[in-house]
Every structure is written in C-alpha cells, then in structure tokens.
Amino acid sequence: MSDNQLTGAIPPGLGNLSSLEVLALERNLLTGPFPAELGNLSGLAFLGLSSNQLTGTIPAEIGNLTNLTDLLLDNNALRGEIPTTITNLV
C-alpha cells in the first residue's frame, strides 16, 4: 500500500493480523502515533512507514518483532529516544 495517498492514523487493528509478514505503508499521508499494537505482529519481517507524518515516540513493543529484518521509519516527525527493546530485533 505504499505510494498512495492514504490518510489518517494507522489503525491499531492491524496488530490483529498475526500472519502478516510485510507491512509497506511508505510515502503516504499517514498521521498520528506509531500504534503499539503493531508489536503484536510476531511474524512481521518488513515494516515500512517512511515518508509519512507520524508523530510521537517509537513504542517499546517494537522489540516484540523478533523476525523483523527491515524497519523503515525515516522522514516522519517521530521524537524521543529509541526504545532499548530494539536490541531484541534480529
């Protein structure tokens, strides 16, 4: 779903898609926080949220994504510290 004009917040319900391996939402117009619920996507290997208008902090739940090989968060308005749980990633 990259390179569209998707707007609004990332639905927390995406965290219920337990078999999801790729979530590519780069280069859209998404706003709001990075949903902590995405940390439930234990099978996720690729998470691309670059070039949106996401705000807030990166949730500690990011460390739950132990199968993650690609994490793209650049070109957003995220702030704060990188969670120490990120060291749990492969």
PDB file of N, CA and C in Angstrom:
ATOM      1  N   MET A   1       0.814  -1.182   0.000  1.00  0.00           N
ATOM      2  CA  MET A   1       0.000   0.000   0.000  1.00  0.00           C
ATOM      3  C   MET A   1       0.866   1.258   0.000  1.00  0.00           C
ATOM      4  N   SER A   2       2.104   1.109  -0.374  1.00  0.00           N
ATOM      5  CA  SER A   2       2.998   2.260  -0.466  1.00  0.00           C
ATOM      6  C   SER A   2       2.641   3.122  -1.667  1.00  0.00           C
ATOM      7  N   ASP A   3       3.101   4.359  -1.617  1.00  0.00           N
ATOM      8  CA  ASP A   3       2.953   5.295  -2.742  1.00  0.00           C
ATOM      9  C   ASP A   3       1.502   5.539  -3.142  1.00  0.00           C
ATOM     10  N   ASN A   4       0.666   5.727  -2.182  1.00  0.00           N
ATOM     11  CA  ASN A   4      -0.716   6.105  -2.424  1.00  0.00           C
ATOM     12  C   ASN A   4      -0.948   7.416  -1.692  1.00  0.00           C
ATOM     13  N   GLN A   5      -2.152   7.790  -1.497  1.00  0.00           N
ATOM     14  CA  GLN A   5      -2.456   8.993  -0.734  1.00  0.00           C
ATOM     15  C   GLN A   5      -3.326   8.618   0.448  1.00  0.00           C
ATOM     16  N   LEU A   6      -2.925   7.537   1.128  1.00  0.00           N
ATOM     17  CA  LEU A   6      -3.664   7.105   2.315  1.00  0.00           C
ATOM     18  C   LEU A   6      -3.516   8.161   3.394  1.00  0.00           C
ATOM     19  N   THR A   7      -4.600   8.463   4.074  1.00  0.00           N
ATOM     20  CA  THR A   7      -4.591   9.499   5.105  1.00  0.00           C
ATOM     21  C   THR A   7      -5.092   8.939   6.426  1.00  0.00           C
ATOM     22  N   GLY A   8      -4.896   9.713   7.476  1.00  0.00           N
ATOM     23  CA  GLY A   8      -5.387   9.337   8.789  1.00  0.00           C
ATOM     24  C   GLY A   8      -4.373   8.514   9.549  1.00  0.00           C
ATOM     25  N   ALA A   9      -4.837   7.980  10.666  1.00  0.00           N
ATOM     26  CA  ALA A   9      -3.978   7.197  11.546  1.00  0.00           C
ATOM     27  C   ALA A   9      -3.875   5.751  11.064  1.00  0.00           C
ATOM     28  N   ILE A  10      -2.793   5.105  11.460  1.00  0.00           N
ATOM     29  CA  ILE A  10      -2.652   3.672  11.196  1.00  0.00           C
ATOM     30  C   ILE A  10      -3.608   2.962  12.152  1.00  0.00           C
ATOM     31  N   PRO A  11      -4.515   2.160  11.642  1.00  0.00           N
ATOM     32  CA  PRO A  11      -5.487   1.501  12.519  1.00  0.00           C
ATOM     33  C   PRO A  11      -4.805   0.517  13.474  1.00  0.00           C
ATOM     34  N   PRO A  12      -5.033   0.654  14.774  1.00  0.00           N
ATOM     35  CA  PRO A  12      -4.449  -0.294  15.724  1.00  0.00           C
ATOM     36  C   PRO A  12      -4.853  -1.739  15.440  1.00  0.00           C
ATOM     37  N   GLY A  13      -6.000  -1.927  14.803  1.00  0.00           N
ATOM     38  CA  GLY A  13      -6.483  -3.263  14.464  1.00  0.00           C
ATOM     39  C   GLY A  13      -5.553  -4.038  13.548  1.00  0.00           C
ATOM     40  N   LEU A  14      -4.637  -3.340  12.866  1.00  0.00           N
ATOM     41  CA  LEU A  14      -3.665  -4.056  12.040  1.00  0.00           C
ATOM     42  C   LEU A  14      -2.837  -5.010  12.899  1.00  0.00           C
ATOM     43  N   GLY A  15      -2.720  -4.715  14.177  1.00  0.00           N
ATOM     44  CA  GLY A  15      -1.984  -5.572  15.094  1.00  0.00           C
ATOM     45  C   GLY A  15      -2.615  -6.939  15.286  1.00  0.00           C
ATOM     46  N   ASN A  16      -3.833  -7.127  14.790  1.00  0.00           N
ATOM     47  CA  ASN A  16      -4.512  -8.420  14.883  1.00  0.00           C
ATOM     48  C   ASN A  16      -4.209  -9.339  13.710  1.00  0.00           C
ATOM     49  N   LEU A  17      -3.491  -8.853  12.717  1.00  0.00           N
ATOM     50  CA  LEU A  17      -3.185  -9.643  11.523  1.00  0.00           C
ATOM     51  C   LEU A  17      -1.938 -10.483  11.790  1.00  0.00           C
ATOM     52  N   SER A  18      -2.088 -11.513  12.589  1.00  0.00           N
ATOM     53  CA  SER A  18      -0.951 -12.261  13.125  1.00  0.00           C
ATOM     54  C   SER A  18      -0.088 -12.950  12.068  1.00  0.00           C
ATOM     55  N   SER A  19      -0.616 -13.217  10.905  1.00  0.00           N
ATOM     56  CA  SER A  19       0.165 -13.885   9.859  1.00  0.00           C
ATOM     57  C   SER A  19       0.865 -12.913   8.919  1.00  0.00           C
ATOM     58  N   LEU A  20       0.678 -11.630   9.141  1.00  0.00           N
ATOM     59  CA  LEU A  20       1.254 -10.622   8.262  1.00  0.00           C
ATOM     60  C   LEU A  20       2.781 -10.665   8.327  1.00  0.00           C
ATOM     61  N   GLU A  21       3.423 -10.691   7.169  1.00  0.00           N
ATOM     62  CA  GLU A  21       4.881 -10.706   7.095  1.00  0.00           C
ATOM     63  C   GLU A  21       5.445  -9.398   6.573  1.00  0.00           C
ATOM     64  N   VAL A  22       4.651  -8.669   5.780  1.00  0.00           N
ATOM     65  CA  VAL A  22       5.100  -7.407   5.189  1.00  0.00           C
ATOM     66  C   VAL A  22       4.012  -6.363   5.398  1.00  0.00           C
ATOM     67  N   LEU A  23       4.422  -5.218   5.943  1.00  0.00           N
ATOM     68  CA  LEU A  23       3.523  -4.073   6.058  1.00  0.00           C
ATOM     69  C   LEU A  23       4.259  -2.881   5.460  1.00  0.00           C
ATOM     70  N   ALA A  24       3.876  -2.535   4.246  1.00  0.00           N
ATOM     71  CA  ALA A  24       4.545  -1.472   3.500  1.00  0.00           C
ATOM     72  C   ALA A  24       3.565  -0.316   3.302  1.00  0.00           C
ATOM     73  N   LEU A  25       3.781   0.758   4.054  1.00  0.00           N
ATOM     74  CA  LEU A  25       2.912   1.935   4.006  1.00  0.00           C
ATOM     75  C   LEU A  25       3.715   3.199   3.725  1.00  0.00           C
ATOM     76  N   GLU A  26       4.876   3.062   3.113  1.00  0.00           N
ATOM     77  CA  GLU A  26       5.729   4.214   2.860  1.00  0.00           C
ATOM     78  C   GLU A  26       5.085   5.194   1.883  1.00  0.00           C
ATOM     79  N   ARG A  27       5.537   6.443   2.012  1.00  0.00           N
ATOM     80  CA  ARG A  27       5.164   7.520   1.092  1.00  0.00           C
ATOM     81  C   ARG A  27       3.648   7.679   0.941  1.00  0.00           C
ATOM     82  N   ASN A  28       2.999   7.851   2.089  1.00  0.00           N
ATOM     83  CA  ASN A  28       1.584   8.161   2.139  1.00  0.00           C
ATOM     84  C   ASN A  28       1.419   9.435   2.958  1.00  0.00           C
ATOM     85  N   LEU A  29       0.235   9.686   3.439  1.00  0.00           N
ATOM     86  CA  LEU A  29      -0.052  10.875   4.242  1.00  0.00           C
ATOM     87  C   LEU A  29      -0.586  10.468   5.616  1.00  0.00           C
ATOM     88  N   LEU A  30      -0.026   9.408   6.165  1.00  0.00           N
ATOM     89  CA  LEU A  30      -0.493   8.883   7.439  1.00  0.00           C
ATOM     90  C   LEU A  30      -0.041   9.787   8.578  1.00  0.00           C
ATOM     91  N   THR A  31      -0.915   9.983   9.546  1.00  0.00           N
ATOM     92  CA  THR A  31      -0.641  10.878  10.669  1.00  0.00           C
ATOM     93  C   THR A  31      -0.869  10.141  11.983  1.00  0.00           C
ATOM     94  N   GLY A  32      -0.518  10.794  13.065  1.00  0.00           N
ATOM     95  CA  GLY A  32      -0.765  10.227  14.382  1.00  0.00           C
ATOM     96  C   GLY A  32       0.392   9.379  14.851  1.00  0.00           C
ATOM     97  N   PRO A  33       0.177   8.676  15.949  1.00  0.00           N
ATOM     98  CA  PRO A  33       1.259   7.900  16.559  1.00  0.00           C
ATOM     99  C   PRO A  33       1.494   6.563  15.865  1.00  0.00           C
ATOM    100  N   PHE A  34       2.641   6.013  16.160  1.00  0.00           N
ATOM    101  CA  PHE A  34       3.014   4.663  15.754  1.00  0.00           C
ATOM    102  C   PHE A  34       2.250   3.733  16.694  1.00  0.00           C
ATOM    103  N   PRO A  35       1.279   2.957  16.226  1.00  0.00           N
ATOM    104  CA  PRO A  35       0.465   2.141  17.136  1.00  0.00           C
ATOM    105  C   PRO A  35       1.287   1.041  17.818  1.00  0.00           C
ATOM    106  N   ALA A  36       1.242   1.004  19.122  1.00  0.00           N
ATOM    107  CA  ALA A  36       1.941  -0.038  19.883  1.00  0.00           C
ATOM    108  C   ALA A  36       1.445  -1.429  19.494  1.00  0.00           C
ATOM    109  N   GLU A  37       0.213  -1.516  19.027  1.00  0.00           N
ATOM    110  CA  GLU A  37      -0.382  -2.801  18.643  1.00  0.00           C
ATOM    111  C   GLU A  37       0.375  -3.483  17.516  1.00  0.00           C
ATOM    112  N   LEU A  38       1.132  -2.726  16.731  1.00  0.00           N
ATOM    113  CA  LEU A  38       1.922  -3.351  15.671  1.00  0.00           C
ATOM    114  C   LEU A  38       2.971  -4.287  16.257  1.00  0.00           C
ATOM    115  N   GLY A  39       3.288  -4.126  17.525  1.00  0.00           N
ATOM    116  CA  GLY A  39       4.201  -5.039  18.207  1.00  0.00           C
ATOM    117  C   GLY A  39       3.653  -6.448  18.355  1.00  0.00           C
ATOM    118  N   ASN A  40       2.368  -6.638  18.064  1.00  0.00           N
ATOM    119  CA  ASN A  40       1.752  -7.968  18.112  1.00  0.00           C
ATOM    120  C   ASN A  40       2.013  -8.783  16.860  1.00  0.00           C
ATOM    121  N   LEU A  41       2.576  -8.174  15.832  1.00  0.00           N
ATOM    122  CA  LEU A  41       2.774  -8.838  14.547  1.00  0.00           C
ATOM    123  C   LEU A  41       4.063  -9.662  14.582  1.00  0.00           C
ATOM    124  N   SER A  42       4.029 -10.753  15.318  1.00  0.00           N
ATOM    125  CA  SER A  42       5.236 -11.542  15.582  1.00  0.00           C
ATOM    126  C   SER A  42       5.886 -12.120  14.330  1.00  0.00           C
ATOM    127  N   GLY A  43       5.143 -12.303  13.271  1.00  0.00           N
ATOM    128  CA  GLY A  43       5.708 -12.838  12.029  1.00  0.00           C
ATOM    129  C   GLY A  43       6.226 -11.783  11.076  1.00  0.00           C
ATOM    130  N   LEU A  44       6.117 -10.526  11.455  1.00  0.00           N
ATOM    131  CA  LEU A  44       6.473  -9.434  10.551  1.00  0.00           C
ATOM    132  C   LEU A  44       7.974  -9.426  10.264  1.00  0.00           C
ATOM    133  N   ALA A  45       8.326  -9.393   8.985  1.00  0.00           N
ATOM    134  CA  ALA A  45       9.731  -9.322   8.566  1.00  0.00           C
ATOM    135  C   ALA A  45      10.068  -7.935   8.023  1.00  0.00           C
ATOM    136  N   PHE A  46       9.095  -7.238   7.456  1.00  0.00           N
ATOM    137  CA  PHE A  46       9.326  -5.917   6.852  1.00  0.00           C
ATOM    138  C   PHE A  46       8.270  -4.945   7.358  1.00  0.00           C
ATOM    139  N   LEU A  47       8.728  -3.838   7.919  1.00  0.00           N
ATOM    140  CA  LEU A  47       7.816  -2.775   8.355  1.00  0.00           C
ATOM    141  C   LEU A  47       8.309  -1.471   7.759  1.00  0.00           C
ATOM    142  N   GLY A  48       7.579  -0.964   6.794  1.00  0.00           N
ATOM    143  CA  GLY A  48       7.940   0.276   6.122  1.00  0.00           C
ATOM    144  C   GLY A  48       6.920   1.362   6.375  1.00  0.00           C
ATOM    145  N   LEU A  49       7.334   2.375   7.150  1.00  0.00           N
ATOM    146  CA  LEU A  49       6.453   3.510   7.462  1.00  0.00           C
ATOM    147  C   LEU A  49       7.109   4.833   7.072  1.00  0.00           C
ATOM    148  N   SER A  50       8.137   4.801   6.264  1.00  0.00           N
ATOM    149  CA  SER A  50       8.871   6.002   5.879  1.00  0.00           C
ATOM    150  C   SER A  50       7.997   7.007   5.144  1.00  0.00           C
ATOM    151  N   SER A  51       8.404   8.251   5.235  1.00  0.00           N
ATOM    152  CA  SER A  51       7.810   9.339   4.459  1.00  0.00           C
ATOM    153  C   SER A  51       6.308   9.466   4.663  1.00  0.00           C
ATOM    154  N   ASN A  52       5.934   9.540   5.918  1.00  0.00           N
ATOM    155  CA  ASN A  52       4.568   9.842   6.317  1.00  0.00           C
ATOM    156  C   ASN A  52       4.646  11.043   7.257  1.00  0.00           C
ATOM    157  N   GLN A  53       3.649  11.220   8.070  1.00  0.00           N
ATOM    158  CA  GLN A  53       3.633  12.322   9.026  1.00  0.00           C
ATOM    159  C   GLN A  53       3.353  11.788  10.423  1.00  0.00           C
ATOM    160  N   LEU A  54       3.992  10.653  10.745  1.00  0.00           N
ATOM    161  CA  LEU A  54       3.779  10.023  12.039  1.00  0.00           C
ATOM    162  C   LEU A  54       4.432  10.854  13.130  1.00  0.00           C
ATOM    163  N   THR A  55       3.781  10.903  14.295  1.00  0.00           N
ATOM    164  CA  THR A  55       4.264  11.704  15.414  1.00  0.00           C
ATOM    165  C   THR A  55       4.390  10.824  16.656  1.00  0.00           C
ATOM    166  N   GLY A  56       4.933  11.401  17.696  1.00  0.00           N
ATOM    167  CA  GLY A  56       5.066  10.677  18.952  1.00  0.00           C
ATOM    168  C   GLY A  56       6.351   9.876  18.992  1.00  0.00           C
ATOM    169  N   THR A  57       6.347   8.860  19.826  1.00  0.00           N
ATOM    170  CA  THR A  57       7.546   8.061  20.039  1.00  0.00           C
ATOM    171  C   THR A  57       7.410   6.683  19.401  1.00  0.00           C
ATOM    172  N   ILE A  58       8.535   6.013  19.302  1.00  0.00           N
ATOM    173  CA  ILE A  58       8.533   4.621  18.851  1.00  0.00           C
ATOM    174  C   ILE A  58       8.204   3.778  20.079  1.00  0.00           C
ATOM    175  N   PRO A  59       7.150   2.980  20.029  1.00  0.00           N
ATOM    176  CA  PRO A  59       6.760   2.225  21.226  1.00  0.00           C
ATOM    177  C   PRO A  59       7.748   1.105  21.542  1.00  0.00           C
ATOM    178  N   ALA A  60       7.864   0.798  22.831  1.00  0.00           N
ATOM    179  CA  ALA A  60       8.751  -0.280  23.281  1.00  0.00           C
ATOM    180  C   ALA A  60       8.356  -1.625  22.663  1.00  0.00           C
ATOM    181  N   GLU A  61       7.099  -1.772  22.295  1.00  0.00           N
ATOM    182  CA  GLU A  61       6.603  -3.025  21.716  1.00  0.00           C
ATOM    183  C   GLU A  61       7.300  -3.380  20.408  1.00  0.00           C
ATOM    184  N   ILE A  62       8.037  -2.442  19.838  1.00  0.00           N
ATOM    185  CA  ILE A  62       8.804  -2.726  18.616  1.00  0.00           C
ATOM    186  C   ILE A  62       9.744  -3.911  18.854  1.00  0.00           C
ATOM    187  N   GLY A  63      10.194  -4.071  20.088  1.00  0.00           N
ATOM    188  CA  GLY A  63      11.092  -5.168  20.430  1.00  0.00           C
ATOM    189  C   GLY A  63      10.457  -6.537  20.353  1.00  0.00           C
ATOM    190  N   ASN A  64       9.143  -6.606  20.247  1.00  0.00           N
ATOM    191  CA  ASN A  64       8.445  -7.886  20.105  1.00  0.00           C
ATOM    192  C   ASN A  64       8.563  -8.450  18.699  1.00  0.00           C
ATOM    193  N   LEU A  65       9.003  -7.641  17.759  1.00  0.00           N
ATOM    194  CA  LEU A  65       9.050  -8.055  16.346  1.00  0.00           C
ATOM    195  C   LEU A  65      10.367  -8.766  16.055  1.00  0.00           C
ATOM    196  N   THR A  66      10.566  -9.902  16.669  1.00  0.00           N
ATOM    197  CA  THR A  66      11.863 -10.581  16.597  1.00  0.00           C
ATOM    198  C   THR A  66      12.186 -11.176  15.232  1.00  0.00           C
ATOM    199  N   ASN A  67      11.234 -11.242  14.317  1.00  0.00           N
ATOM    200  CA  ASN A  67      11.501 -11.712  12.954  1.00  0.00           C
ATOM    201  C   ASN A  67      11.764 -10.561  11.991  1.00  0.00           C
ATOM    202  N   LEU A  68      11.728  -9.336  12.500  1.00  0.00           N
ATOM    203  CA  LEU A  68      11.882  -8.153  11.663  1.00  0.00           C
ATOM    204  C   LEU A  68      13.304  -8.052  11.124  1.00  0.00           C
ATOM    205  N   THR A  69      13.420  -7.910   9.804  1.00  0.00           N
ATOM    206  CA  THR A  69      14.730  -7.716   9.172  1.00  0.00           C
ATOM    207  C   THR A  69      14.870  -6.324   8.583  1.00  0.00           C
ATOM    208  N   ASP A  70      13.741  -5.673   8.282  1.00  0.00           N
ATOM    209  CA  ASP A  70      13.752  -4.328   7.709  1.00  0.00           C
ATOM    210  C   ASP A  70      12.780  -3.440   8.479  1.00  0.00           C
ATOM    211  N   LEU A  71      13.295  -2.312   8.969  1.00  0.00           N
ATOM    212  CA  LEU A  71      12.484  -1.334   9.686  1.00  0.00           C
ATOM    213  C   LEU A  71      12.780   0.034   9.105  1.00  0.00           C
ATOM    214  N   LEU A  72      11.797   0.632   8.452  1.00  0.00           N
ATOM    215  CA  LEU A  72      11.967   1.922   7.780  1.00  0.00           C
ATOM    216  C   LEU A  72      11.032   2.936   8.416  1.00  0.00           C
ATOM    217  N   LEU A  73      11.626   3.897   9.120  1.00  0.00           N
ATOM    218  CA  LEU A  73      10.835   4.916   9.818  1.00  0.00           C
ATOM    219  C   LEU A  73      11.260   6.331   9.454  1.00  0.00           C
ATOM    220  N   ASP A  74      12.156   6.493   8.511  1.00  0.00           N
ATOM    221  CA  ASP A  74      12.692   7.818   8.193  1.00  0.00           C
ATOM    222  C   ASP A  74      11.629   8.750   7.604  1.00  0.00           C
ATOM    223  N   ASN A  75      11.923  10.024   7.664  1.00  0.00           N
ATOM    224  CA  ASN A  75      11.053  11.076   7.126  1.00  0.00           C
ATOM    225  C   ASN A  75       9.663  11.091   7.759  1.00  0.00           C
ATOM    226  N   ASN A  76       9.650  11.097   9.086  1.00  0.00           N
ATOM    227  CA  ASN A  76       8.445  11.266   9.884  1.00  0.00           C
ATOM    228  C   ASN A  76       8.746  12.336  10.922  1.00  0.00           C
ATOM    229  N   ALA A  77       7.841  12.551  11.830  1.00  0.00           N
ATOM    230  CA  ALA A  77       8.063  13.516  12.913  1.00  0.00           C
ATOM    231  C   ALA A  77       8.122  12.792  14.254  1.00  0.00           C
ATOM    232  N   LEU A  78       8.732  11.597  14.253  1.00  0.00           N
ATOM    233  CA  LEU A  78       8.882  10.834  15.485  1.00  0.00           C
ATOM    234  C   LEU A  78       9.893  11.532  16.381  1.00  0.00           C
ATOM    235  N   ARG A  79       9.731  11.380  17.685  1.00  0.00           N
ATOM    236  CA  ARG A  79      10.620  12.064  18.625  1.00  0.00           C
ATOM    237  C   ARG A  79      10.917  11.135  19.790  1.00  0.00           C
ATOM    238  N   GLY A  80      11.789  11.582  20.667  1.00  0.00           N
ATOM    239  CA  GLY A  80      12.113  10.798  21.844  1.00  0.00           C
ATOM    240  C   GLY A  80      13.265   9.847  21.596  1.00  0.00           C
ATOM    241  N   GLU A  81      13.488   9.006  22.558  1.00  0.00           N
ATOM    242  CA  GLU A  81      14.573   8.040  22.491  1.00  0.00           C
ATOM    243  C   GLU A  81      14.152   6.777  21.742  1.00  0.00           C
ATOM    244  N   ILE A  82      15.153   6.130  21.171  1.00  0.00           N
ATOM    245  CA  ILE A  82      14.914   4.824  20.568  1.00  0.00           C
ATOM    246  C   ILE A  82      14.768   3.828  21.709  1.00  0.00           C
ATOM    247  N   PRO A  83      13.693   3.044  21.727  1.00  0.00           N
ATOM    248  CA  PRO A  83      13.487   2.123  22.846  1.00  0.00           C
ATOM    249  C   PRO A  83      14.625   1.094  22.941  1.00  0.00           C
ATOM    250  N   THR A  84      15.026   0.785  24.135  1.00  0.00           N
ATOM    251  CA  THR A  84      16.095  -0.196  24.321  1.00  0.00           C
ATOM    252  C   THR A  84      15.665  -1.586  23.859  1.00  0.00           C
ATOM    253  N   THR A  85      14.369  -1.825  23.782  1.00  0.00           N
ATOM    254  CA  THR A  85      13.864  -3.121  23.332  1.00  0.00           C
ATOM    255  C   THR A  85      14.207  -3.398  21.867  1.00  0.00           C
ATOM    256  N   ILE A  86      14.670  -2.391  21.150  1.00  0.00           N
ATOM    257  CA  ILE A  86      15.038  -2.577  19.747  1.00  0.00           C
ATOM    258  C   ILE A  86      16.204  -3.559  19.613  1.00  0.00           C
ATOM    259  N   THR A  87      16.935  -3.756  20.694  1.00  0.00           N
ATOM    260  CA  THR A  87      18.035  -4.727  20.660  1.00  0.00           C
ATOM    261  C   THR A  87      17.529  -6.157  20.597  1.00  0.00           C
ATOM    262  N   ASN A  88      16.241  -6.370  20.778  1.00  0.00           N
ATOM    263  CA  ASN A  88      15.648  -7.710  20.659  1.00  0.00           C
ATOM    264  C   ASN A  88      15.499  -8.132  19.202  1.00  0.00           C
ATOM    265  N   LEU A  89      15.638  -7.208  18.281  1.00  0.00           N
ATOM    266  CA  LEU A  89      15.417  -7.496  16.867  1.00  0.00           C
ATOM    267  C   LEU A  89      16.587  -8.270  16.289  1.00  0.00           C
ATOM    268  N   VAL A  90      16.299  -9.091  15.281  1.00  0.00           N
ATOM    269  CA  VAL A  90      17.321  -9.908  14.613  1.00  0.00           C
ATOM    270  C   VAL A  90      18.313  -9.014  13.903  1.00  0.00           C
TER     271      VAL A  90
END
